[in-house]
Amino acid sequence: GEGKRTDYVPGAVVVVGTLALNRT
């Protein structure tokens, strides 16, 4: 999202956000 950034994180991570499916 706008204004948010992250560095690489080694190992497993948990992501929480809104799912969007690509159908087309």
PDBML (XML) file of the C-alpha atoms, coordinates in Angstrom:
<?xml version="1.0" encoding="UTF-8" ?>
<PDBx:datablock datablockName="MODEL"
   xmlns:PDBx="http://pdbml.pdb.org/schema/pdbx-v50.xsd"
   xmlns:xsi="http://www.w3.org/2001/XMLSchema-instance"
   xsi:schemaLocation="http://pdbml.pdb.org/schema/pdbx-v50.xsd pdbx-v50.xsd">
   <PDBx:atom_siteCategory>
      <PDBx:atom_site id="1">
         <PDBx:B_iso_or_equiv>0.00</PDBx:B_iso_or_equiv>
         <PDBx:Cartn_x>0.000</PDBx:Cartn_x>
         <PDBx:Cartn_y>0.000</PDBx:Cartn_y>
         <PDBx:Cartn_z>0.000</PDBx:Cartn_z>
         <PDBx:auth_asym_id>A</PDBx:auth_asym_id>
         <PDBx:auth_atom_id>CA</PDBx:auth_atom_id>
         <PDBx:auth_comp_id>GLY</PDBx:auth_comp_id>
         <PDBx:auth_seq_id>1</PDBx:auth_seq_id>
         <PDBx:group_PDB>ATOM</PDBx:group_PDB>
         <PDBx:label_alt_id xsi:nil="true" />
         <PDBx:label_asym_id>A</PDBx:label_asym_id>
         <PDBx:label_atom_id>CA</PDBx:label_atom_id>
         <PDBx:label_comp_id>GLY</PDBx:label_comp_id>
         <PDBx:label_entity_id>1</PDBx:label_entity_id>
         <PDBx:label_seq_id>1</PDBx:label_seq_id>
         <PDBx:occupancy>1.00</PDBx:occupancy>
         <PDBx:pdbx_PDB_model_num>1</PDBx:pdbx_PDB_model_num>
         <PDBx:type_symbol>C</PDBx:type_symbol>
      </PDBx:atom_site>
      <PDBx:atom_site id="2">
         <PDBx:B_iso_or_equiv>0.00</PDBx:B_iso_or_equiv>
         <PDBx:Cartn_x>0.908</PDBx:Cartn_x>
         <PDBx:Cartn_y>3.634</PDBx:Cartn_y>
         <PDBx:Cartn_z>-0.450</PDBx:Cartn_z>
         <PDBx:auth_asym_id>A</PDBx:auth_asym_id>
         <PDBx:auth_atom_id>CA</PDBx:auth_atom_id>
         <PDBx:auth_comp_id>GLU</PDBx:auth_comp_id>
         <PDBx:auth_seq_id>2</PDBx:auth_seq_id>
         <PDBx:group_PDB>ATOM</PDBx:group_PDB>
         <PDBx:label_alt_id xsi:nil="true" />
         <PDBx:label_asym_id>A</PDBx:label_asym_id>
         <PDBx:label_atom_id>CA</PDBx:label_atom_id>
         <PDBx:label_comp_id>GLU</PDBx:label_comp_id>
         <PDBx:label_entity_id>1</PDBx:label_entity_id>
         <PDBx:label_seq_id>2</PDBx:label_seq_id>
         <PDBx:occupancy>1.00</PDBx:occupancy>
         <PDBx:pdbx_PDB_model_num>1</PDBx:pdbx_PDB_model_num>
         <PDBx:type_symbol>C</PDBx:type_symbol>
      </PDBx:atom_site>
      <PDBx:atom_site id="3">
         <PDBx:B_iso_or_equiv>0.00</PDBx:B_iso_or_equiv>
         <PDBx:Cartn_x>3.731</PDBx:Cartn_x>
         <PDBx:Cartn_y>4.866</PDBx:Cartn_y>
         <PDBx:Cartn_z>1.746</PDBx:Cartn_z>
         <PDBx:auth_asym_id>A</PDBx:auth_asym_id>
         <PDBx:auth_atom_id>CA</PDBx:auth_atom_id>
         <PDBx:auth_comp_id>GLY</PDBx:auth_comp_id>
         <PDBx:auth_seq_id>3</PDBx:auth_seq_id>
         <PDBx:group_PDB>ATOM</PDBx:group_PDB>
         <PDBx:label_alt_id xsi:nil="true" />
         <PDBx:label_asym_id>A</PDBx:label_asym_id>
         <PDBx:label_atom_id>CA</PDBx:label_atom_id>
         <PDBx:label_comp_id>GLY</PDBx:label_comp_id>
         <PDBx:label_entity_id>1</PDBx:label_entity_id>
         <PDBx:label_seq_id>3</PDBx:label_seq_id>
         <PDBx:occupancy>1.00</PDBx:occupancy>
         <PDBx:pdbx_PDB_model_num>1</PDBx:pdbx_PDB_model_num>
         <PDBx:type_symbol>C</PDBx:type_symbol>
      </PDBx:atom_site>
      <PDBx:atom_site id="4">
         <PDBx:B_iso_or_equiv>0.00</PDBx:B_iso_or_equiv>
         <PDBx:Cartn_x>4.580</PDBx:Cartn_x>
         <PDBx:Cartn_y>1.410</PDBx:Cartn_y>
         <PDBx:Cartn_z>3.133</PDBx:Cartn_z>
         <PDBx:auth_asym_id>A</PDBx:auth_asym_id>
         <PDBx:auth_atom_id>CA</PDBx:auth_atom_id>
         <PDBx:auth_comp_id>LYS</PDBx:auth_comp_id>
         <PDBx:auth_seq_id>4</PDBx:auth_seq_id>
         <PDBx:group_PDB>ATOM</PDBx:group_PDB>
         <PDBx:label_alt_id xsi:nil="true" />
         <PDBx:label_asym_id>A</PDBx:label_asym_id>
         <PDBx:label_atom_id>CA</PDBx:label_atom_id>
         <PDBx:label_comp_id>LYS</PDBx:label_comp_id>
         <PDBx:label_entity_id>1</PDBx:label_entity_id>
         <PDBx:label_seq_id>4</PDBx:label_seq_id>
         <PDBx:occupancy>1.00</PDBx:occupancy>
         <PDBx:pdbx_PDB_model_num>1</PDBx:pdbx_PDB_model_num>
         <PDBx:type_symbol>C</PDBx:type_symbol>
      </PDBx:atom_site>
      <PDBx:atom_site id="5">
         <PDBx:B_iso_or_equiv>0.00</PDBx:B_iso_or_equiv>
         <PDBx:Cartn_x>7.827</PDBx:Cartn_x>
         <PDBx:Cartn_y>-0.419</PDBx:Cartn_y>
         <PDBx:Cartn_z>2.419</PDBx:Cartn_z>
         <PDBx:auth_asym_id>A</PDBx:auth_asym_id>
         <PDBx:auth_atom_id>CA</PDBx:auth_atom_id>
         <PDBx:auth_comp_id>ARG</PDBx:auth_comp_id>
         <PDBx:auth_seq_id>5</PDBx:auth_seq_id>
         <PDBx:group_PDB>ATOM</PDBx:group_PDB>
         <PDBx:label_alt_id xsi:nil="true" />
         <PDBx:label_asym_id>A</PDBx:label_asym_id>
         <PDBx:label_atom_id>CA</PDBx:label_atom_id>
         <PDBx:label_comp_id>ARG</PDBx:label_comp_id>
         <PDBx:label_entity_id>1</PDBx:label_entity_id>
         <PDBx:label_seq_id>5</PDBx:label_seq_id>
         <PDBx:occupancy>1.00</PDBx:occupancy>
         <PDBx:pdbx_PDB_model_num>1</PDBx:pdbx_PDB_model_num>
         <PDBx:type_symbol>C</PDBx:type_symbol>
      </PDBx:atom_site>
      <PDBx:atom_site id="6">
         <PDBx:B_iso_or_equiv>0.00</PDBx:B_iso_or_equiv>
         <PDBx:Cartn_x>9.640</PDBx:Cartn_x>
         <PDBx:Cartn_y>-3.447</PDBx:Cartn_y>
         <PDBx:Cartn_z>3.754</PDBx:Cartn_z>
         <PDBx:auth_asym_id>A</PDBx:auth_asym_id>
         <PDBx:auth_atom_id>CA</PDBx:auth_atom_id>
         <PDBx:auth_comp_id>THR</PDBx:auth_comp_id>
         <PDBx:auth_seq_id>6</PDBx:auth_seq_id>
         <PDBx:group_PDB>ATOM</PDBx:group_PDB>
         <PDBx:label_alt_id xsi:nil="true" />
         <PDBx:label_asym_id>A</PDBx:label_asym_id>
         <PDBx:label_atom_id>CA</PDBx:label_atom_id>
         <PDBx:label_comp_id>THR</PDBx:label_comp_id>
         <PDBx:label_entity_id>1</PDBx:label_entity_id>
         <PDBx:label_seq_id>6</PDBx:label_seq_id>
         <PDBx:occupancy>1.00</PDBx:occupancy>
         <PDBx:pdbx_PDB_model_num>1</PDBx:pdbx_PDB_model_num>
         <PDBx:type_symbol>C</PDBx:type_symbol>
      </PDBx:atom_site>
      <PDBx:atom_site id="7">
         <PDBx:B_iso_or_equiv>0.00</PDBx:B_iso_or_equiv>
         <PDBx:Cartn_x>13.097</PDBx:Cartn_x>
         <PDBx:Cartn_y>-4.934</PDBx:Cartn_y>
         <PDBx:Cartn_z>3.553</PDBx:Cartn_z>
         <PDBx:auth_asym_id>A</PDBx:auth_asym_id>
         <PDBx:auth_atom_id>CA</PDBx:auth_atom_id>
         <PDBx:auth_comp_id>ASP</PDBx:auth_comp_id>
         <PDBx:auth_seq_id>7</PDBx:auth_seq_id>
         <PDBx:group_PDB>ATOM</PDBx:group_PDB>
         <PDBx:label_alt_id xsi:nil="true" />
         <PDBx:label_asym_id>A</PDBx:label_asym_id>
         <PDBx:label_atom_id>CA</PDBx:label_atom_id>
         <PDBx:label_comp_id>ASP</PDBx:label_comp_id>
         <PDBx:label_entity_id>1</PDBx:label_entity_id>
         <PDBx:label_seq_id>7</PDBx:label_seq_id>
         <PDBx:occupancy>1.00</PDBx:occupancy>
         <PDBx:pdbx_PDB_model_num>1</PDBx:pdbx_PDB_model_num>
         <PDBx:type_symbol>C</PDBx:type_symbol>
      </PDBx:atom_site>
      <PDBx:atom_site id="8">
         <PDBx:B_iso_or_equiv>0.00</PDBx:B_iso_or_equiv>
         <PDBx:Cartn_x>13.667</PDBx:Cartn_x>
         <PDBx:Cartn_y>-8.588</PDBx:Cartn_y>
         <PDBx:Cartn_z>2.723</PDBx:Cartn_z>
         <PDBx:auth_asym_id>A</PDBx:auth_asym_id>
         <PDBx:auth_atom_id>CA</PDBx:auth_atom_id>
         <PDBx:auth_comp_id>TYR</PDBx:auth_comp_id>
         <PDBx:auth_seq_id>8</PDBx:auth_seq_id>
         <PDBx:group_PDB>ATOM</PDBx:group_PDB>
         <PDBx:label_alt_id xsi:nil="true" />
         <PDBx:label_asym_id>A</PDBx:label_asym_id>
         <PDBx:label_atom_id>CA</PDBx:label_atom_id>
         <PDBx:label_comp_id>TYR</PDBx:label_comp_id>
         <PDBx:label_entity_id>1</PDBx:label_entity_id>
         <PDBx:label_seq_id>8</PDBx:label_seq_id>
         <PDBx:occupancy>1.00</PDBx:occupancy>
         <PDBx:pdbx_PDB_model_num>1</PDBx:pdbx_PDB_model_num>
         <PDBx:type_symbol>C</PDBx:type_symbol>
      </PDBx:atom_site>
      <PDBx:atom_site id="9">
         <PDBx:B_iso_or_equiv>0.00</PDBx:B_iso_or_equiv>
         <PDBx:Cartn_x>12.952</PDBx:Cartn_x>
         <PDBx:Cartn_y>-10.875</PDBx:Cartn_y>
         <PDBx:Cartn_z>5.663</PDBx:Cartn_z>
         <PDBx:auth_asym_id>A</PDBx:auth_asym_id>
         <PDBx:auth_atom_id>CA</PDBx:auth_atom_id>
         <PDBx:auth_comp_id>VAL</PDBx:auth_comp_id>
         <PDBx:auth_seq_id>9</PDBx:auth_seq_id>
         <PDBx:group_PDB>ATOM</PDBx:group_PDB>
         <PDBx:label_alt_id xsi:nil="true" />
         <PDBx:label_asym_id>A</PDBx:label_asym_id>
         <PDBx:label_atom_id>CA</PDBx:label_atom_id>
         <PDBx:label_comp_id>VAL</PDBx:label_comp_id>
         <PDBx:label_entity_id>1</PDBx:label_entity_id>
         <PDBx:label_seq_id>9</PDBx:label_seq_id>
         <PDBx:occupancy>1.00</PDBx:occupancy>
         <PDBx:pdbx_PDB_model_num>1</PDBx:pdbx_PDB_model_num>
         <PDBx:type_symbol>C</PDBx:type_symbol>
      </PDBx:atom_site>
      <PDBx:atom_site id="10">
         <PDBx:B_iso_or_equiv>0.00</PDBx:B_iso_or_equiv>
         <PDBx:Cartn_x>14.634</PDBx:Cartn_x>
         <PDBx:Cartn_y>-14.330</PDBx:Cartn_y>
         <PDBx:Cartn_z>5.613</PDBx:Cartn_z>
         <PDBx:auth_asym_id>A</PDBx:auth_asym_id>
         <PDBx:auth_atom_id>CA</PDBx:auth_atom_id>
         <PDBx:auth_comp_id>PRO</PDBx:auth_comp_id>
         <PDBx:auth_seq_id>10</PDBx:auth_seq_id>
         <PDBx:group_PDB>ATOM</PDBx:group_PDB>
         <PDBx:label_alt_id xsi:nil="true" />
         <PDBx:label_asym_id>A</PDBx:label_asym_id>
         <PDBx:label_atom_id>CA</PDBx:label_atom_id>
         <PDBx:label_comp_id>PRO</PDBx:label_comp_id>
         <PDBx:label_entity_id>1</PDBx:label_entity_id>
         <PDBx:label_seq_id>10</PDBx:label_seq_id>
         <PDBx:occupancy>1.00</PDBx:occupancy>
         <PDBx:pdbx_PDB_model_num>1</PDBx:pdbx_PDB_model_num>
         <PDBx:type_symbol>C</PDBx:type_symbol>
      </PDBx:atom_site>
      <PDBx:atom_site id="11">
         <PDBx:B_iso_or_equiv>0.00</PDBx:B_iso_or_equiv>
         <PDBx:Cartn_x>12.607</PDBx:Cartn_x>
         <PDBx:Cartn_y>-17.323</PDBx:Cartn_y>
         <PDBx:Cartn_z>6.682</PDBx:Cartn_z>
         <PDBx:auth_asym_id>A</PDBx:auth_asym_id>
         <PDBx:auth_atom_id>CA</PDBx:auth_atom_id>
         <PDBx:auth_comp_id>GLY</PDBx:auth_comp_id>
         <PDBx:auth_seq_id>11</PDBx:auth_seq_id>
         <PDBx:group_PDB>ATOM</PDBx:group_PDB>
         <PDBx:label_alt_id xsi:nil="true" />
         <PDBx:label_asym_id>A</PDBx:label_asym_id>
         <PDBx:label_atom_id>CA</PDBx:label_atom_id>
         <PDBx:label_comp_id>GLY</PDBx:label_comp_id>
         <PDBx:label_entity_id>1</PDBx:label_entity_id>
         <PDBx:label_seq_id>11</PDBx:label_seq_id>
         <PDBx:occupancy>1.00</PDBx:occupancy>
         <PDBx:pdbx_PDB_model_num>1</PDBx:pdbx_PDB_model_num>
         <PDBx:type_symbol>C</PDBx:type_symbol>
      </PDBx:atom_site>
      <PDBx:atom_site id="12">
         <PDBx:B_iso_or_equiv>0.00</PDBx:B_iso_or_equiv>
         <PDBx:Cartn_x>8.842</PDBx:Cartn_x>
         <PDBx:Cartn_y>-17.654</PDBx:Cartn_y>
         <PDBx:Cartn_z>6.831</PDBx:Cartn_z>
         <PDBx:auth_asym_id>A</PDBx:auth_asym_id>
         <PDBx:auth_atom_id>CA</PDBx:auth_atom_id>
         <PDBx:auth_comp_id>ALA</PDBx:auth_comp_id>
         <PDBx:auth_seq_id>12</PDBx:auth_seq_id>
         <PDBx:group_PDB>ATOM</PDBx:group_PDB>
         <PDBx:label_alt_id xsi:nil="true" />
         <PDBx:label_asym_id>A</PDBx:label_asym_id>
         <PDBx:label_atom_id>CA</PDBx:label_atom_id>
         <PDBx:label_comp_id>ALA</PDBx:label_comp_id>
         <PDBx:label_entity_id>1</PDBx:label_entity_id>
         <PDBx:label_seq_id>12</PDBx:label_seq_id>
         <PDBx:occupancy>1.00</PDBx:occupancy>
         <PDBx:pdbx_PDB_model_num>1</PDBx:pdbx_PDB_model_num>
         <PDBx:type_symbol>C</PDBx:type_symbol>
      </PDBx:atom_site>
      <PDBx:atom_site id="13">
         <PDBx:B_iso_or_equiv>0.00</PDBx:B_iso_or_equiv>
         <PDBx:Cartn_x>6.648</PDBx:Cartn_x>
         <PDBx:Cartn_y>-14.569</PDBx:Cartn_y>
         <PDBx:Cartn_z>7.180</PDBx:Cartn_z>
         <PDBx:auth_asym_id>A</PDBx:auth_asym_id>
         <PDBx:auth_atom_id>CA</PDBx:auth_atom_id>
         <PDBx:auth_comp_id>VAL</PDBx:auth_comp_id>
         <PDBx:auth_seq_id>13</PDBx:auth_seq_id>
         <PDBx:group_PDB>ATOM</PDBx:group_PDB>
         <PDBx:label_alt_id xsi:nil="true" />
         <PDBx:label_asym_id>A</PDBx:label_asym_id>
         <PDBx:label_atom_id>CA</PDBx:label_atom_id>
         <PDBx:label_comp_id>VAL</PDBx:label_comp_id>
         <PDBx:label_entity_id>1</PDBx:label_entity_id>
         <PDBx:label_seq_id>13</PDBx:label_seq_id>
         <PDBx:occupancy>1.00</PDBx:occupancy>
         <PDBx:pdbx_PDB_model_num>1</PDBx:pdbx_PDB_model_num>
         <PDBx:type_symbol>C</PDBx:type_symbol>
      </PDBx:atom_site>
      <PDBx:atom_site id="14">
         <PDBx:B_iso_or_equiv>0.00</PDBx:B_iso_or_equiv>
         <PDBx:Cartn_x>2.947</PDBx:Cartn_x>
         <PDBx:Cartn_y>-14.000</PDBx:Cartn_y>
         <PDBx:Cartn_z>7.766</PDBx:Cartn_z>
         <PDBx:auth_asym_id>A</PDBx:auth_asym_id>
         <PDBx:auth_atom_id>CA</PDBx:auth_atom_id>
         <PDBx:auth_comp_id>VAL</PDBx:auth_comp_id>
         <PDBx:auth_seq_id>14</PDBx:auth_seq_id>
         <PDBx:group_PDB>ATOM</PDBx:group_PDB>
         <PDBx:label_alt_id xsi:nil="true" />
         <PDBx:label_asym_id>A</PDBx:label_asym_id>
         <PDBx:label_atom_id>CA</PDBx:label_atom_id>
         <PDBx:label_comp_id>VAL</PDBx:label_comp_id>
         <PDBx:label_entity_id>1</PDBx:label_entity_id>
         <PDBx:label_seq_id>14</PDBx:label_seq_id>
         <PDBx:occupancy>1.00</PDBx:occupancy>
         <PDBx:pdbx_PDB_model_num>1</PDBx:pdbx_PDB_model_num>
         <PDBx:type_symbol>C</PDBx:type_symbol>
      </PDBx:atom_site>
      <PDBx:atom_site id="15">
         <PDBx:B_iso_or_equiv>0.00</PDBx:B_iso_or_equiv>
         <PDBx:Cartn_x>1.135</PDBx:Cartn_x>
         <PDBx:Cartn_y>-11.623</PDBx:Cartn_y>
         <PDBx:Cartn_z>5.433</PDBx:Cartn_z>
         <PDBx:auth_asym_id>A</PDBx:auth_asym_id>
         <PDBx:auth_atom_id>CA</PDBx:auth_atom_id>
         <PDBx:auth_comp_id>VAL</PDBx:auth_comp_id>
         <PDBx:auth_seq_id>15</PDBx:auth_seq_id>
         <PDBx:group_PDB>ATOM</PDBx:group_PDB>
         <PDBx:label_alt_id xsi:nil="true" />
         <PDBx:label_asym_id>A</PDBx:label_asym_id>
         <PDBx:label_atom_id>CA</PDBx:label_atom_id>
         <PDBx:label_comp_id>VAL</PDBx:label_comp_id>
         <PDBx:label_entity_id>1</PDBx:label_entity_id>
         <PDBx:label_seq_id>15</PDBx:label_seq_id>
         <PDBx:occupancy>1.00</PDBx:occupancy>
         <PDBx:pdbx_PDB_model_num>1</PDBx:pdbx_PDB_model_num>
         <PDBx:type_symbol>C</PDBx:type_symbol>
      </PDBx:atom_site>
      <PDBx:atom_site id="16">
         <PDBx:B_iso_or_equiv>0.00</PDBx:B_iso_or_equiv>
         <PDBx:Cartn_x>-2.250</PDBx:Cartn_x>
         <PDBx:Cartn_y>-10.134</PDBx:Cartn_y>
         <PDBx:Cartn_z>6.339</PDBx:Cartn_z>
         <PDBx:auth_asym_id>A</PDBx:auth_asym_id>
         <PDBx:auth_atom_id>CA</PDBx:auth_atom_id>
         <PDBx:auth_comp_id>VAL</PDBx:auth_comp_id>
         <PDBx:auth_seq_id>16</PDBx:auth_seq_id>
         <PDBx:group_PDB>ATOM</PDBx:group_PDB>
         <PDBx:label_alt_id xsi:nil="true" />
         <PDBx:label_asym_id>A</PDBx:label_asym_id>
         <PDBx:label_atom_id>CA</PDBx:label_atom_id>
         <PDBx:label_comp_id>VAL</PDBx:label_comp_id>
         <PDBx:label_entity_id>1</PDBx:label_entity_id>
         <PDBx:label_seq_id>16</PDBx:label_seq_id>
         <PDBx:occupancy>1.00</PDBx:occupancy>
         <PDBx:pdbx_PDB_model_num>1</PDBx:pdbx_PDB_model_num>
         <PDBx:type_symbol>C</PDBx:type_symbol>
      </PDBx:atom_site>
      <PDBx:atom_site id="17">
         <PDBx:B_iso_or_equiv>0.00</PDBx:B_iso_or_equiv>
         <PDBx:Cartn_x>-4.187</PDBx:Cartn_x>
         <PDBx:Cartn_y>-8.178</PDBx:Cartn_y>
         <PDBx:Cartn_z>3.726</PDBx:Cartn_z>
         <PDBx:auth_asym_id>A</PDBx:auth_asym_id>
         <PDBx:auth_atom_id>CA</PDBx:auth_atom_id>
         <PDBx:auth_comp_id>GLY</PDBx:auth_comp_id>
         <PDBx:auth_seq_id>17</PDBx:auth_seq_id>
         <PDBx:group_PDB>ATOM</PDBx:group_PDB>
         <PDBx:label_alt_id xsi:nil="true" />
         <PDBx:label_asym_id>A</PDBx:label_asym_id>
         <PDBx:label_atom_id>CA</PDBx:label_atom_id>
         <PDBx:label_comp_id>GLY</PDBx:label_comp_id>
         <PDBx:label_entity_id>1</PDBx:label_entity_id>
         <PDBx:label_seq_id>17</PDBx:label_seq_id>
         <PDBx:occupancy>1.00</PDBx:occupancy>
         <PDBx:pdbx_PDB_model_num>1</PDBx:pdbx_PDB_model_num>
         <PDBx:type_symbol>C</PDBx:type_symbol>
      </PDBx:atom_site>
      <PDBx:atom_site id="18">
         <PDBx:B_iso_or_equiv>0.00</PDBx:B_iso_or_equiv>
         <PDBx:Cartn_x>-7.059</PDBx:Cartn_x>
         <PDBx:Cartn_y>-8.202</PDBx:Cartn_y>
         <PDBx:Cartn_z>1.258</PDBx:Cartn_z>
         <PDBx:auth_asym_id>A</PDBx:auth_asym_id>
         <PDBx:auth_atom_id>CA</PDBx:auth_atom_id>
         <PDBx:auth_comp_id>THR</PDBx:auth_comp_id>
         <PDBx:auth_seq_id>18</PDBx:auth_seq_id>
         <PDBx:group_PDB>ATOM</PDBx:group_PDB>
         <PDBx:label_alt_id xsi:nil="true" />
         <PDBx:label_asym_id>A</PDBx:label_asym_id>
         <PDBx:label_atom_id>CA</PDBx:label_atom_id>
         <PDBx:label_comp_id>THR</PDBx:label_comp_id>
         <PDBx:label_entity_id>1</PDBx:label_entity_id>
         <PDBx:label_seq_id>18</PDBx:label_seq_id>
         <PDBx:occupancy>1.00</PDBx:occupancy>
         <PDBx:pdbx_PDB_model_num>1</PDBx:pdbx_PDB_model_num>
         <PDBx:type_symbol>C</PDBx:type_symbol>
      </PDBx:atom_site>
      <PDBx:atom_site id="19">
         <PDBx:B_iso_or_equiv>0.00</PDBx:B_iso_or_equiv>
         <PDBx:Cartn_x>-7.182</PDBx:Cartn_x>
         <PDBx:Cartn_y>-11.025</PDBx:Cartn_y>
         <PDBx:Cartn_z>-1.289</PDBx:Cartn_z>
         <PDBx:auth_asym_id>A</PDBx:auth_asym_id>
         <PDBx:auth_atom_id>CA</PDBx:auth_atom_id>
         <PDBx:auth_comp_id>LEU</PDBx:auth_comp_id>
         <PDBx:auth_seq_id>19</PDBx:auth_seq_id>
         <PDBx:group_PDB>ATOM</PDBx:group_PDB>
         <PDBx:label_alt_id xsi:nil="true" />
         <PDBx:label_asym_id>A</PDBx:label_asym_id>
         <PDBx:label_atom_id>CA</PDBx:label_atom_id>
         <PDBx:label_comp_id>LEU</PDBx:label_comp_id>
         <PDBx:label_entity_id>1</PDBx:label_entity_id>
         <PDBx:label_seq_id>19</PDBx:label_seq_id>
         <PDBx:occupancy>1.00</PDBx:occupancy>
         <PDBx:pdbx_PDB_model_num>1</PDBx:pdbx_PDB_model_num>
         <PDBx:type_symbol>C</PDBx:type_symbol>
      </PDBx:atom_site>
      <PDBx:atom_site id="20">
         <PDBx:B_iso_or_equiv>0.00</PDBx:B_iso_or_equiv>
         <PDBx:Cartn_x>-7.783</PDBx:Cartn_x>
         <PDBx:Cartn_y>-10.128</PDBx:Cartn_y>
         <PDBx:Cartn_z>-4.944</PDBx:Cartn_z>
         <PDBx:auth_asym_id>A</PDBx:auth_asym_id>
         <PDBx:auth_atom_id>CA</PDBx:auth_atom_id>
         <PDBx:auth_comp_id>ALA</PDBx:auth_comp_id>
         <PDBx:auth_seq_id>20</PDBx:auth_seq_id>
         <PDBx:group_PDB>ATOM</PDBx:group_PDB>
         <PDBx:label_alt_id xsi:nil="true" />
         <PDBx:label_asym_id>A</PDBx:label_asym_id>
         <PDBx:label_atom_id>CA</PDBx:label_atom_id>
         <PDBx:label_comp_id>ALA</PDBx:label_comp_id>
         <PDBx:label_entity_id>1</PDBx:label_entity_id>
         <PDBx:label_seq_id>20</PDBx:label_seq_id>
         <PDBx:occupancy>1.00</PDBx:occupancy>
         <PDBx:pdbx_PDB_model_num>1</PDBx:pdbx_PDB_model_num>
         <PDBx:type_symbol>C</PDBx:type_symbol>
      </PDBx:atom_site>
      <PDBx:atom_site id="21">
         <PDBx:B_iso_or_equiv>0.00</PDBx:B_iso_or_equiv>
         <PDBx:Cartn_x>-8.277</PDBx:Cartn_x>
         <PDBx:Cartn_y>-12.873</PDBx:Cartn_y>
         <PDBx:Cartn_z>-7.539</PDBx:Cartn_z>
         <PDBx:auth_asym_id>A</PDBx:auth_asym_id>
         <PDBx:auth_atom_id>CA</PDBx:auth_atom_id>
         <PDBx:auth_comp_id>LEU</PDBx:auth_comp_id>
         <PDBx:auth_seq_id>21</PDBx:auth_seq_id>
         <PDBx:group_PDB>ATOM</PDBx:group_PDB>
         <PDBx:label_alt_id xsi:nil="true" />
         <PDBx:label_asym_id>A</PDBx:label_asym_id>
         <PDBx:label_atom_id>CA</PDBx:label_atom_id>
         <PDBx:label_comp_id>LEU</PDBx:label_comp_id>
         <PDBx:label_entity_id>1</PDBx:label_entity_id>
         <PDBx:label_seq_id>21</PDBx:label_seq_id>
         <PDBx:occupancy>1.00</PDBx:occupancy>
         <PDBx:pdbx_PDB_model_num>1</PDBx:pdbx_PDB_model_num>
         <PDBx:type_symbol>C</PDBx:type_symbol>
      </PDBx:atom_site>
      <PDBx:atom_site id="22">
         <PDBx:B_iso_or_equiv>0.00</PDBx:B_iso_or_equiv>
         <PDBx:Cartn_x>-7.304</PDBx:Cartn_x>
         <PDBx:Cartn_y>-12.446</PDBx:Cartn_y>
         <PDBx:Cartn_z>-11.187</PDBx:Cartn_z>
         <PDBx:auth_asym_id>A</PDBx:auth_asym_id>
         <PDBx:auth_atom_id>CA</PDBx:auth_atom_id>
         <PDBx:auth_comp_id>ASN</PDBx:auth_comp_id>
         <PDBx:auth_seq_id>22</PDBx:auth_seq_id>
         <PDBx:group_PDB>ATOM</PDBx:group_PDB>
         <PDBx:label_alt_id xsi:nil="true" />
         <PDBx:label_asym_id>A</PDBx:label_asym_id>
         <PDBx:label_atom_id>CA</PDBx:label_atom_id>
         <PDBx:label_comp_id>ASN</PDBx:label_comp_id>
         <PDBx:label_entity_id>1</PDBx:label_entity_id>
         <PDBx:label_seq_id>22</PDBx:label_seq_id>
         <PDBx:occupancy>1.00</PDBx:occupancy>
         <PDBx:pdbx_PDB_model_num>1</PDBx:pdbx_PDB_model_num>
         <PDBx:type_symbol>C</PDBx:type_symbol>
      </PDBx:atom_site>
      <PDBx:atom_site id="23">
         <PDBx:B_iso_or_equiv>0.00</PDBx:B_iso_or_equiv>
         <PDBx:Cartn_x>-9.926</PDBx:Cartn_x>
         <PDBx:Cartn_y>-14.077</PDBx:Cartn_y>
         <PDBx:Cartn_z>-13.437</PDBx:Cartn_z>
         <PDBx:auth_asym_id>A</PDBx:auth_asym_id>
         <PDBx:auth_atom_id>CA</PDBx:auth_atom_id>
         <PDBx:auth_comp_id>ARG</PDBx:auth_comp_id>
         <PDBx:auth_seq_id>23</PDBx:auth_seq_id>
         <PDBx:group_PDB>ATOM</PDBx:group_PDB>
         <PDBx:label_alt_id xsi:nil="true" />
         <PDBx:label_asym_id>A</PDBx:label_asym_id>
         <PDBx:label_atom_id>CA</PDBx:label_atom_id>
         <PDBx:label_comp_id>ARG</PDBx:label_comp_id>
         <PDBx:label_entity_id>1</PDBx:label_entity_id>
         <PDBx:label_seq_id>23</PDBx:label_seq_id>
         <PDBx:occupancy>1.00</PDBx:occupancy>
         <PDBx:pdbx_PDB_model_num>1</PDBx:pdbx_PDB_model_num>
         <PDBx:type_symbol>C</PDBx:type_symbol>
      </PDBx:atom_site>
      <PDBx:atom_site id="24">
         <PDBx:B_iso_or_equiv>0.00</PDBx:B_iso_or_equiv>
         <PDBx:Cartn_x>-9.287</PDBx:Cartn_x>
         <PDBx:Cartn_y>-12.375</PDBx:Cartn_y>
         <PDBx:Cartn_z>-16.769</PDBx:Cartn_z>
         <PDBx:auth_asym_id>A</PDBx:auth_asym_id>
         <PDBx:auth_atom_id>CA</PDBx:auth_atom_id>
         <PDBx:auth_comp_id>THR</PDBx:auth_comp_id>
         <PDBx:auth_seq_id>24</PDBx:auth_seq_id>
         <PDBx:group_PDB>ATOM</PDBx:group_PDB>
         <PDBx:label_alt_id xsi:nil="true" />
         <PDBx:label_asym_id>A</PDBx:label_asym_id>
         <PDBx:label_atom_id>CA</PDBx:label_atom_id>
         <PDBx:label_comp_id>THR</PDBx:label_comp_id>
         <PDBx:label_entity_id>1</PDBx:label_entity_id>
         <PDBx:label_seq_id>24</PDBx:label_seq_id>
         <PDBx:occupancy>1.00</PDBx:occupancy>
         <PDBx:pdbx_PDB_model_num>1</PDBx:pdbx_PDB_model_num>
         <PDBx:type_symbol>C</PDBx:type_symbol>
      </PDBx:atom_site>
   </PDBx:atom_siteCategory>
</PDBx:datablock>
